[in-house]
């Protein structure tokens, strides 16, 4: 039904896809894809190089040498991880806000 409507106003299939269908699909798919990406980062690696387990292993090594600062060292590692995930969440929110501008309410 929809494709006939756009064809009747002179839009080709390609133009309909680019100007109507893809923008709607991108707007709907960005939030779940962003959530999946953030989960992927949390579940696999941090900053594409440093695994969370590796980061905490290094923290353990540093903490073993500095027993008086053990809590601070672990909190610092957790804070680095949290900041990275928080930045990804902010980027996702900005993308969603930008895509919401084009939605008629």
PDB file of N, CA and C in Angstrom:
ATOM      1  N   UNK A   1       0.826  -1.194   0.000  1.00  0.00           N
ATOM      2  CA  UNK A   1       0.000   0.000   0.000  1.00  0.00           C
ATOM      3  C   UNK A   1       0.871   1.258   0.000  1.00  0.00           C
ATOM      4  N   UNK A   2       1.852   1.343   0.881  1.00  0.00           N
ATOM      5  CA  UNK A   2       2.691   2.520   0.990  1.00  0.00           C
ATOM      6  C   UNK A   2       3.518   2.779  -0.247  1.00  0.00           C
ATOM      7  N   UNK A   3       4.057   1.721  -0.844  1.00  0.00           N
ATOM      8  CA  UNK A   3       4.898   1.919  -2.023  1.00  0.00           C
ATOM      9  C   UNK A   3       4.085   2.455  -3.190  1.00  0.00           C
ATOM     10  N   UNK A   4       2.829   2.040  -3.298  1.00  0.00           N
ATOM     11  CA  UNK A   4       1.975   2.583  -4.369  1.00  0.00           C
ATOM     12  C   UNK A   4       1.716   4.070  -4.152  1.00  0.00           C
ATOM     13  N   UNK A   5       1.560   4.452  -2.909  1.00  0.00           N
ATOM     14  CA  UNK A   5       1.332   5.859  -2.588  1.00  0.00           C
ATOM     15  C   UNK A   5       2.509   6.708  -3.046  1.00  0.00           C
ATOM     16  N   UNK A   6       3.710   6.289  -2.725  1.00  0.00           N
ATOM     17  CA  UNK A   6       4.889   7.058  -3.113  1.00  0.00           C
ATOM     18  C   UNK A   6       5.122   7.002  -4.617  1.00  0.00           C
ATOM     19  N   UNK A   7       4.801   5.888  -5.221  1.00  0.00           N
ATOM     20  CA  UNK A   7       4.931   5.775  -6.677  1.00  0.00           C
ATOM     21  C   UNK A   7       3.948   6.719  -7.368  1.00  0.00           C
ATOM     22  N   UNK A   8       2.751   6.883  -6.778  1.00  0.00           N
ATOM     23  CA  UNK A   8       1.744   7.757  -7.390  1.00  0.00           C
ATOM     24  C   UNK A   8       2.147   9.228  -7.345  1.00  0.00           C
ATOM     25  N   UNK A   9       3.005   9.616  -6.410  1.00  0.00           N
ATOM     26  CA  UNK A   9       3.450  11.014  -6.379  1.00  0.00           C
ATOM     27  C   UNK A   9       4.785  11.194  -7.087  1.00  0.00           C
ATOM     28  N   UNK A  10       5.214  10.149  -7.797  1.00  0.00           N
ATOM     29  CA  UNK A  10       6.385  10.274  -8.651  1.00  0.00           C
ATOM     30  C   UNK A  10       7.708   9.871  -8.030  1.00  0.00           C
ATOM     31  N   UNK A  11       7.675   9.214  -6.897  1.00  0.00           N
ATOM     32  CA  UNK A  11       8.926   8.784  -6.271  1.00  0.00           C
ATOM     33  C   UNK A  11       9.291   7.389  -6.766  1.00  0.00           C
ATOM     34  N   UNK A  12      10.559   7.217  -7.091  1.00  0.00           N
ATOM     35  CA  UNK A  12      11.032   5.894  -7.486  1.00  0.00           C
ATOM     36  C   UNK A  12      11.193   5.033  -6.229  1.00  0.00           C
ATOM     37  N   UNK A  13      11.401   3.747  -6.444  1.00  0.00           N
ATOM     38  CA  UNK A  13      11.594   2.844  -5.303  1.00  0.00           C
ATOM     39  C   UNK A  13      12.833   3.251  -4.506  1.00  0.00           C
ATOM     40  N   UNK A  14      13.891   3.618  -5.193  1.00  0.00           N
ATOM     41  CA  UNK A  14      15.133   4.026  -4.530  1.00  0.00           C
ATOM     42  C   UNK A  14      14.929   5.300  -3.708  1.00  0.00           C
ATOM     43  N   UNK A  15      14.245   6.275  -4.280  1.00  0.00           N
ATOM     44  CA  UNK A  15      13.997   7.533  -3.573  1.00  0.00           C
ATOM     45  C   UNK A  15      13.099   7.290  -2.357  1.00  0.00           C
ATOM     46  N   UNK A  16      12.112   6.416  -2.496  1.00  0.00           N
ATOM     47  CA  UNK A  16      11.240   6.069  -1.375  1.00  0.00           C
ATOM     48  C   UNK A  16      12.046   5.421  -0.258  1.00  0.00           C
ATOM     49  N   UNK A  17      12.936   4.532  -0.638  1.00  0.00           N
ATOM     50  CA  UNK A  17      13.768   3.846   0.346  1.00  0.00           C
ATOM     51  C   UNK A  17      14.658   4.836   1.098  1.00  0.00           C
ATOM     52  N   UNK A  18      15.314   5.734   0.352  1.00  0.00           N
ATOM     53  CA  UNK A  18      16.268   6.670   0.956  1.00  0.00           C
ATOM     54  C   UNK A  18      15.580   7.765   1.765  1.00  0.00           C
ATOM     55  N   UNK A  19      14.456   8.278   1.289  1.00  0.00           N
ATOM     56  CA  UNK A  19      13.827   9.430   1.948  1.00  0.00           C
ATOM     57  C   UNK A  19      12.746   9.085   2.962  1.00  0.00           C
ATOM     58  N   UNK A  20      12.190   7.875   2.887  1.00  0.00           N
ATOM     59  CA  UNK A  20      11.079   7.545   3.779  1.00  0.00           C
ATOM     60  C   UNK A  20      11.393   6.340   4.669  1.00  0.00           C
ATOM     61  N   UNK A  21      11.726   5.227   4.060  1.00  0.00           N
ATOM     62  CA  UNK A  21      11.846   3.976   4.807  1.00  0.00           C
ATOM     63  C   UNK A  21      13.096   3.949   5.685  1.00  0.00           C
ATOM     64  N   UNK A  22      14.265   4.245   5.127  1.00  0.00           N
ATOM     65  CA  UNK A  22      15.512   4.187   5.908  1.00  0.00           C
ATOM     66  C   UNK A  22      15.546   5.170   7.078  1.00  0.00           C
ATOM     67  N   UNK A  23      15.109   6.436   6.914  1.00  0.00           N
ATOM     68  CA  UNK A  23      15.104   7.325   8.090  1.00  0.00           C
ATOM     69  C   UNK A  23      14.239   6.798   9.235  1.00  0.00           C
ATOM     70  N   UNK A  24      13.096   6.205   8.903  1.00  0.00           N
ATOM     71  CA  UNK A  24      12.246   5.637   9.951  1.00  0.00           C
ATOM     72  C   UNK A  24      12.921   4.434  10.603  1.00  0.00           C
ATOM     73  N   UNK A  25      13.540   3.604   9.795  1.00  0.00           N
ATOM     74  CA  UNK A  25      14.201   2.410  10.325  1.00  0.00           C
ATOM     75  C   UNK A  25      15.392   2.776  11.206  1.00  0.00           C
ATOM     76  N   UNK A  26      16.158   3.765  10.794  1.00  0.00           N
ATOM     77  CA  UNK A  26      17.324   4.185  11.585  1.00  0.00           C
ATOM     78  C   UNK A  26      16.872   4.755  12.920  1.00  0.00           C
ATOM     79  N   UNK A  27      15.836   5.586  12.903  1.00  0.00           N
ATOM     80  CA  UNK A  27      15.350   6.202  14.136  1.00  0.00           C
ATOM     81  C   UNK A  27      14.870   5.152  15.133  1.00  0.00           C
ATOM     82  N   UNK A  28      14.245   4.103  14.637  1.00  0.00           N
ATOM     83  CA  UNK A  28      13.729   3.058  15.518  1.00  0.00           C
ATOM     84  C   UNK A  28      14.836   2.112  15.979  1.00  0.00           C
ATOM     85  N   UNK A  29      15.835   1.879  15.141  1.00  0.00           N
ATOM     86  CA  UNK A  29      16.844   0.865  15.465  1.00  0.00           C
ATOM     87  C   UNK A  29      18.036   1.387  16.265  1.00  0.00           C
ATOM     88  N   UNK A  30      18.285   2.677  16.288  1.00  0.00           N
ATOM     89  CA  UNK A  30      19.458   3.219  16.986  1.00  0.00           C
ATOM     90  C   UNK A  30      19.452   2.925  18.491  1.00  0.00           C
ATOM     91  N   UNK A  31      18.366   3.171  19.236  1.00  0.00           N
ATOM     92  CA  UNK A  31      18.426   2.893  20.684  1.00  0.00           C
ATOM     93  C   UNK A  31      18.755   1.442  21.028  1.00  0.00           C
ATOM     94  N   UNK A  32      18.086   0.436  20.425  1.00  0.00           N
ATOM     95  CA  UNK A  32      18.471  -0.934  20.777  1.00  0.00           C
ATOM     96  C   UNK A  32      19.890  -1.296  20.344  1.00  0.00           C
ATOM     97  N   UNK A  33      20.322  -0.785  19.201  1.00  0.00           N
ATOM     98  CA  UNK A  33      21.684  -1.065  18.753  1.00  0.00           C
ATOM     99  C   UNK A  33      22.707  -0.434  19.689  1.00  0.00           C
ATOM    100  N   UNK A  34      22.417   0.773  20.163  1.00  0.00           N
ATOM    101  CA  UNK A  34      23.325   1.433  21.106  1.00  0.00           C
ATOM    102  C   UNK A  34      23.392   0.667  22.420  1.00  0.00           C
ATOM    103  N   UNK A  35      22.238   0.207  22.901  1.00  0.00           N
ATOM    104  CA  UNK A  35      22.230  -0.590  24.134  1.00  0.00           C
ATOM    105  C   UNK A  35      23.025  -1.874  23.957  1.00  0.00           C
ATOM    106  N   UNK A  36      22.884  -2.497  22.804  1.00  0.00           N
ATOM    107  CA  UNK A  36      23.645  -3.722  22.530  1.00  0.00           C
ATOM    108  C   UNK A  36      25.137  -3.429  22.486  1.00  0.00           C
ATOM    109  N   UNK A  37      25.509  -2.288  21.907  1.00  0.00           N
ATOM    110  CA  UNK A  37      26.920  -1.925  21.841  1.00  0.00           C
ATOM    111  C   UNK A  37      27.498  -1.695  23.234  1.00  0.00           C
ATOM    112  N   UNK A  38      26.750  -0.988  24.083  1.00  0.00           N
ATOM    113  CA  UNK A  38      27.216  -0.738  25.446  1.00  0.00           C
ATOM    114  C   UNK A  38      27.340  -2.059  26.204  1.00  0.00           C
ATOM    115  N   UNK A  39      26.377  -2.953  26.023  1.00  0.00           N
ATOM    116  CA  UNK A  39      26.464  -4.271  26.661  1.00  0.00           C
ATOM    117  C   UNK A  39      27.663  -5.049  26.150  1.00  0.00           C
ATOM    118  N   UNK A  40      27.926  -4.936  24.863  1.00  0.00           N
ATOM    119  CA  UNK A  40      29.080  -5.615  24.284  1.00  0.00           C
ATOM    120  C   UNK A  40      30.376  -5.109  24.907  1.00  0.00           C
ATOM    121  N   UNK A  41      30.464  -3.800  25.088  1.00  0.00           N
ATOM    122  CA  UNK A  41      31.655  -3.223  25.722  1.00  0.00           C
ATOM    123  C   UNK A  41      31.785  -3.730  27.153  1.00  0.00           C
ATOM    124  N   UNK A  42      30.668  -3.743  27.874  1.00  0.00           N
ATOM    125  CA  UNK A  42      30.711  -4.202  29.262  1.00  0.00           C
ATOM    126  C   UNK A  42      31.081  -5.679  29.352  1.00  0.00           C
ATOM    127  N   UNK A  43      30.587  -6.474  28.412  1.00  0.00           N
ATOM    128  CA  UNK A  43      30.797  -7.922  28.487  1.00  0.00           C
ATOM    129  C   UNK A  43      32.133  -8.377  27.915  1.00  0.00           C
ATOM    130  N   UNK A  44      32.722  -7.605  27.034  1.00  0.00           N
ATOM    131  CA  UNK A  44      33.955  -8.078  26.398  1.00  0.00           C
ATOM    132  C   UNK A  44      35.149  -7.243  26.817  1.00  0.00           C
ATOM    133  N   UNK A  45      35.461  -6.207  26.071  1.00  0.00           N
ATOM    134  CA  UNK A  45      36.679  -5.469  26.383  1.00  0.00           C
ATOM    135  C   UNK A  45      36.382  -4.006  26.639  1.00  0.00           C
ATOM    136  N   UNK A  46      37.320  -3.383  27.258  1.00  0.00           N
ATOM    137  CA  UNK A  46      37.221  -1.966  27.576  1.00  0.00           C
ATOM    138  C   UNK A  46      38.201  -1.226  26.695  1.00  0.00           C
ATOM    139  N   UNK A  47      37.706  -0.259  25.964  1.00  0.00           N
ATOM    140  CA  UNK A  47      38.530   0.545  25.054  1.00  0.00           C
ATOM    141  C   UNK A  47      39.231  -0.324  24.010  1.00  0.00           C
ATOM    142  N   UNK A  48      38.602  -1.410  23.653  1.00  0.00           N
ATOM    143  CA  UNK A  48      39.074  -2.331  22.612  1.00  0.00           C
ATOM    144  C   UNK A  48      40.415  -2.983  22.915  1.00  0.00           C
ATOM    145  N   UNK A  49      41.027  -2.714  24.006  1.00  0.00           N
ATOM    146  CA  UNK A  49      42.337  -3.286  24.319  1.00  0.00           C
ATOM    147  C   UNK A  49      42.408  -3.875  25.717  1.00  0.00           C
ATOM    148  N   UNK A  50      41.852  -3.191  26.677  1.00  0.00           N
ATOM    149  CA  UNK A  50      42.043  -3.574  28.074  1.00  0.00           C
ATOM    150  C   UNK A  50      40.789  -4.285  28.577  1.00  0.00           C
ATOM    151  N   UNK A  51      40.892  -5.529  28.902  1.00  0.00           N
ATOM    152  CA  UNK A  51      39.769  -6.249  29.486  1.00  0.00           C
ATOM    153  C   UNK A  51      39.543  -5.763  30.906  1.00  0.00           C
ATOM    154  N   UNK A  52      38.295  -5.831  31.322  1.00  0.00           N
ATOM    155  CA  UNK A  52      37.981  -5.421  32.689  1.00  0.00           C
ATOM    156  C   UNK A  52      38.749  -6.293  33.677  1.00  0.00           C
ATOM    157  N   UNK A  53      38.805  -7.587  33.398  1.00  0.00           N
ATOM    158  CA  UNK A  53      39.557  -8.481  34.293  1.00  0.00           C
ATOM    159  C   UNK A  53      41.029  -8.090  34.339  1.00  0.00           C
ATOM    160  N   UNK A  54      41.578  -7.706  33.198  1.00  0.00           N
ATOM    161  CA  UNK A  54      42.985  -7.280  33.150  1.00  0.00           C
ATOM    162  C   UNK A  54      43.185  -6.004  33.965  1.00  0.00           C
ATOM    163  N   UNK A  55      42.219  -5.091  33.850  1.00  0.00           N
ATOM    164  CA  UNK A  55      42.322  -3.848  34.601  1.00  0.00           C
ATOM    165  C   UNK A  55      42.321  -4.139  36.109  1.00  0.00           C
ATOM    166  N   UNK A  56      41.453  -5.048  36.537  1.00  0.00           N
ATOM    167  CA  UNK A  56      41.418  -5.376  37.959  1.00  0.00           C
ATOM    168  C   UNK A  56      42.629  -6.208  38.379  1.00  0.00           C
ATOM    169  N   UNK A  57      43.178  -6.995  37.480  1.00  0.00           N
ATOM    170  CA  UNK A  57      44.402  -7.743  37.793  1.00  0.00           C
ATOM    171  C   UNK A  57      45.553  -6.762  38.031  1.00  0.00           C
ATOM    172  N   UNK A  58      45.634  -5.754  37.169  1.00  0.00           N
ATOM    173  CA  UNK A  58      46.668  -4.726  37.375  1.00  0.00           C
ATOM    174  C   UNK A  58      46.425  -3.994  38.691  1.00  0.00           C
ATOM    175  N   UNK A  59      45.153  -3.758  39.003  1.00  0.00           N
ATOM    176  CA  UNK A  59      44.833  -3.108  40.275  1.00  0.00           C
ATOM    177  C   UNK A  59      45.287  -3.960  41.445  1.00  0.00           C
ATOM    178  N   UNK A  60      45.116  -5.284  41.321  1.00  0.00           N
ATOM    179  CA  UNK A  60      45.570  -6.180  42.385  1.00  0.00           C
ATOM    180  C   UNK A  60      47.083  -6.117  42.552  1.00  0.00           C
ATOM    181  N   UNK A  61      47.799  -6.064  41.430  1.00  0.00           N
ATOM    182  CA  UNK A  61      49.261  -5.975  41.499  1.00  0.00           C
ATOM    183  C   UNK A  61      49.693  -4.686  42.185  1.00  0.00           C
ATOM    184  N   UNK A  62      49.049  -3.587  41.813  1.00  0.00           N
ATOM    185  CA  UNK A  62      49.389  -2.296  42.425  1.00  0.00           C
ATOM    186  C   UNK A  62      48.998  -2.303  43.901  1.00  0.00           C
ATOM    187  N   UNK A  63      47.820  -2.883  44.198  1.00  0.00           N
ATOM    188  CA  UNK A  63      47.344  -2.924  45.582  1.00  0.00           C
ATOM    189  C   UNK A  63      48.250  -3.776  46.459  1.00  0.00           C
ATOM    190  N   UNK A  64      48.827  -4.834  45.895  1.00  0.00           N
ATOM    191  CA  UNK A  64      49.730  -5.689  46.671  1.00  0.00           C
ATOM    192  C   UNK A  64      50.957  -4.909  47.122  1.00  0.00           C
ATOM    193  N   UNK A  65      51.389  -3.975  46.306  1.00  0.00           N
ATOM    194  CA  UNK A  65      52.553  -3.163  46.665  1.00  0.00           C
ATOM    195  C   UNK A  65      52.178  -2.022  47.606  1.00  0.00           C
ATOM    196  N   UNK A  66      50.925  -1.588  47.538  1.00  0.00           N
ATOM    197  CA  UNK A  66      50.464  -0.452  48.345  1.00  0.00           C
ATOM    198  C   UNK A  66      49.239  -0.869  49.151  1.00  0.00           C
ATOM    199  N   UNK A  67      49.409  -1.643  50.169  1.00  0.00           N
ATOM    200  CA  UNK A  67      48.280  -2.167  50.939  1.00  0.00           C
ATOM    201  C   UNK A  67      47.454  -1.076  51.613  1.00  0.00           C
ATOM    202  N   UNK A  68      48.062   0.052  51.905  1.00  0.00           N
ATOM    203  CA  UNK A  68      47.330   1.121  52.574  1.00  0.00           C
ATOM    204  C   UNK A  68      46.355   1.837  51.638  1.00  0.00           C
ATOM    205  N   UNK A  69      46.495   1.665  50.335  1.00  0.00           N
ATOM    206  CA  UNK A  69      45.629   2.350  49.372  1.00  0.00           C
ATOM    207  C   UNK A  69      44.792   1.378  48.543  1.00  0.00           C
ATOM    208  N   UNK A  70      44.525   0.205  49.060  1.00  0.00           N
ATOM    209  CA  UNK A  70      43.863  -0.830  48.273  1.00  0.00           C
ATOM    210  C   UNK A  70      42.450  -0.417  47.839  1.00  0.00           C
ATOM    211  N   UNK A  71      41.679   0.179  48.745  1.00  0.00           N
ATOM    212  CA  UNK A  71      40.323   0.598  48.403  1.00  0.00           C
ATOM    213  C   UNK A  71      40.352   1.684  47.340  1.00  0.00           C
ATOM    214  N   UNK A  72      41.249   2.626  47.482  1.00  0.00           N
ATOM    215  CA  UNK A  72      41.367   3.706  46.504  1.00  0.00           C
ATOM    216  C   UNK A  72      41.700   3.165  45.116  1.00  0.00           C
ATOM    217  N   UNK A  73      42.583   2.197  45.041  1.00  0.00           N
ATOM    218  CA  UNK A  73      43.005   1.642  43.750  1.00  0.00           C
ATOM    219  C   UNK A  73      41.841   0.942  43.061  1.00  0.00           C
ATOM    220  N   UNK A  74      41.078   0.140  43.816  1.00  0.00           N
ATOM    221  CA  UNK A  74      39.924  -0.544  43.219  1.00  0.00           C
ATOM    222  C   UNK A  74      38.833   0.446  42.815  1.00  0.00           C
ATOM    223  N   UNK A  75      38.626   1.459  43.622  1.00  0.00           N
ATOM    224  CA  UNK A  75      37.629   2.472  43.274  1.00  0.00           C
ATOM    225  C   UNK A  75      38.047   3.232  42.022  1.00  0.00           C
ATOM    226  N   UNK A  76      39.321   3.478  41.874  1.00  0.00           N
ATOM    227  CA  UNK A  76      39.817   4.164  40.685  1.00  0.00           C
ATOM    228  C   UNK A  76      39.586   3.313  39.432  1.00  0.00           C
ATOM    229  N   UNK A  77      39.835   2.022  39.507  1.00  0.00           N
ATOM    230  CA  UNK A  77      39.598   1.128  38.367  1.00  0.00           C
ATOM    231  C   UNK A  77      38.111   1.087  38.021  1.00  0.00           C
ATOM    232  N   UNK A  78      37.264   1.007  39.040  1.00  0.00           N
ATOM    233  CA  UNK A  78      35.819   0.992  38.804  1.00  0.00           C
ATOM    234  C   UNK A  78      35.353   2.317  38.212  1.00  0.00           C
ATOM    235  N   UNK A  79      35.928   3.416  38.667  1.00  0.00           N
ATOM    236  CA  UNK A  79      35.560   4.726  38.145  1.00  0.00           C
ATOM    237  C   UNK A  79      35.934   4.871  36.669  1.00  0.00           C
ATOM    238  N   UNK A  80      37.100   4.395  36.289  1.00  0.00           N
ATOM    239  CA  UNK A  80      37.511   4.447  34.879  1.00  0.00           C
ATOM    240  C   UNK A  80      36.514   3.682  34.020  1.00  0.00           C
ATOM    241  N   UNK A  81      36.145   2.497  34.452  1.00  0.00           N
ATOM    242  CA  UNK A  81      35.185   1.671  33.723  1.00  0.00           C
ATOM    243  C   UNK A  81      33.832   2.363  33.646  1.00  0.00           C
ATOM    244  N   UNK A  82      33.364   2.922  34.774  1.00  0.00           N
ATOM    245  CA  UNK A  82      32.072   3.593  34.811  1.00  0.00           C
ATOM    246  C   UNK A  82      32.064   4.811  33.888  1.00  0.00           C
ATOM    247  N   UNK A  83      33.130   5.608  33.892  1.00  0.00           N
ATOM    248  CA  UNK A  83      33.213   6.796  33.035  1.00  0.00           C
ATOM    249  C   UNK A  83      33.135   6.401  31.566  1.00  0.00           C
ATOM    250  N   UNK A  84      33.830   5.353  31.192  1.00  0.00           N
ATOM    251  CA  UNK A  84      33.798   4.901  29.803  1.00  0.00           C
ATOM    252  C   UNK A  84      32.377   4.525  29.389  1.00  0.00           C
ATOM    253  N   UNK A  85      31.684   3.747  30.213  1.00  0.00           N
ATOM    254  CA  UNK A  85      30.308   3.348  29.896  1.00  0.00           C
ATOM    255  C   UNK A  85      29.361   4.545  29.935  1.00  0.00           C
ATOM    256  N   UNK A  86      29.589   5.484  30.841  1.00  0.00           N
ATOM    257  CA  UNK A  86      28.757   6.679  30.929  1.00  0.00           C
ATOM    258  C   UNK A  86      28.896   7.535  29.674  1.00  0.00           C
ATOM    259  N   UNK A  87      30.109   7.668  29.172  1.00  0.00           N
ATOM    260  CA  UNK A  87      30.329   8.431  27.936  1.00  0.00           C
ATOM    261  C   UNK A  87      29.592   7.777  26.774  1.00  0.00           C
ATOM    262  N   UNK A  88      29.644   6.465  26.691  1.00  0.00           N
ATOM    263  CA  UNK A  88      28.894   5.766  25.640  1.00  0.00           C
ATOM    264  C   UNK A  88      27.396   6.021  25.771  1.00  0.00           C
ATOM    265  N   UNK A  89      26.884   6.049  26.993  1.00  0.00           N
ATOM    266  CA  UNK A  89      25.465   6.326  27.217  1.00  0.00           C
ATOM    267  C   UNK A  89      25.106   7.745  26.798  1.00  0.00           C
ATOM    268  N   UNK A  90      25.987   8.707  27.080  1.00  0.00           N
ATOM    269  CA  UNK A  90      25.734  10.088  26.662  1.00  0.00           C
ATOM    270  C   UNK A  90      25.696  10.212  25.145  1.00  0.00           C
ATOM    271  N   UNK A  91      26.611   9.540  24.481  1.00  0.00           N
ATOM    272  CA  UNK A  91      26.625   9.559  23.016  1.00  0.00           C
ATOM    273  C   UNK A  91      25.325   8.972  22.481  1.00  0.00           C
ATOM    274  N   UNK A  92      24.880   7.867  23.067  1.00  0.00           N
ATOM    275  CA  UNK A  92      23.624   7.253  22.644  1.00  0.00           C
ATOM    276  C   UNK A  92      22.465   8.226  22.842  1.00  0.00           C
ATOM    277  N   UNK A  93      22.425   8.896  23.980  1.00  0.00           N
ATOM    278  CA  UNK A  93      21.344   9.841  24.261  1.00  0.00           C
ATOM    279  C   UNK A  93      21.340  10.990  23.255  1.00  0.00           C
ATOM    280  N   UNK A  94      22.508  11.506  22.906  1.00  0.00           N
ATOM    281  CA  UNK A  94      22.587  12.594  21.933  1.00  0.00           C
ATOM    282  C   UNK A  94      22.104  12.141  20.555  1.00  0.00           C
ATOM    283  N   UNK A  95      22.449  10.933  20.164  1.00  0.00           N
ATOM    284  CA  UNK A  95      21.980  10.410  18.875  1.00  0.00           C
ATOM    285  C   UNK A  95      20.466  10.274  18.888  1.00  0.00           C
ATOM    286  N   UNK A  96      19.904   9.756  19.978  1.00  0.00           N
ATOM    287  CA  UNK A  96      18.457   9.612  20.081  1.00  0.00           C
ATOM    288  C   UNK A  96      17.768  10.970  20.040  1.00  0.00           C
ATOM    289  N   UNK A  97      18.323  11.972  20.753  1.00  0.00           N
ATOM    290  CA  UNK A  97      17.735  13.312  20.730  1.00  0.00           C
ATOM    291  C   UNK A  97      17.759  13.897  19.328  1.00  0.00           C
ATOM    292  N   UNK A  98      18.864  13.694  18.640  1.00  0.00           N
ATOM    293  CA  UNK A  98      18.992  14.234  17.288  1.00  0.00           C
ATOM    294  C   UNK A  98      17.989  13.583  16.342  1.00  0.00           C
ATOM    295  N   UNK A  99      17.790  12.287  16.489  1.00  0.00           N
ATOM    296  CA  UNK A  99      16.833  11.594  15.631  1.00  0.00           C
ATOM    297  C   UNK A  99      15.397  11.930  15.998  1.00  0.00           C
ATOM    298  N   UNK A 100      15.130  12.278  17.256  1.00  0.00           N
ATOM    299  CA  UNK A 100      13.777  12.642  17.676  1.00  0.00           C
ATOM    300  C   UNK A 100      13.325  13.984  17.119  1.00  0.00           C
ATOM    301  N   UNK A 101      14.257  14.817  16.681  1.00  0.00           N
ATOM    302  CA  UNK A 101      13.876  16.111  16.102  1.00  0.00           C
ATOM    303  C   UNK A 101      12.993  15.945  14.879  1.00  0.00           C
ATOM    304  N   UNK A 102      13.155  14.838  14.194  1.00  0.00           N
ATOM    305  CA  UNK A 102      12.455  14.640  12.932  1.00  0.00           C
ATOM    306  C   UNK A 102      11.137  13.895  13.095  1.00  0.00           C
ATOM    307  N   UNK A 103      10.706  13.693  14.332  1.00  0.00           N
ATOM    308  CA  UNK A 103       9.455  12.987  14.583  1.00  0.00           C
ATOM    309  C   UNK A 103       8.365  14.011  14.847  1.00  0.00           C
ATOM    310  N   UNK A 104       7.276  13.903  14.112  1.00  0.00           N
ATOM    311  CA  UNK A 104       6.142  14.797  14.332  1.00  0.00           C
ATOM    312  C   UNK A 104       5.397  14.335  15.579  1.00  0.00           C
ATOM    313  N   UNK A 105       5.115  15.254  16.473  1.00  0.00           N
ATOM    314  CA  UNK A 105       4.395  14.918  17.717  1.00  0.00           C
ATOM    315  C   UNK A 105       3.053  15.579  17.716  1.00  0.00           C
TER     316      UNK A 105
END
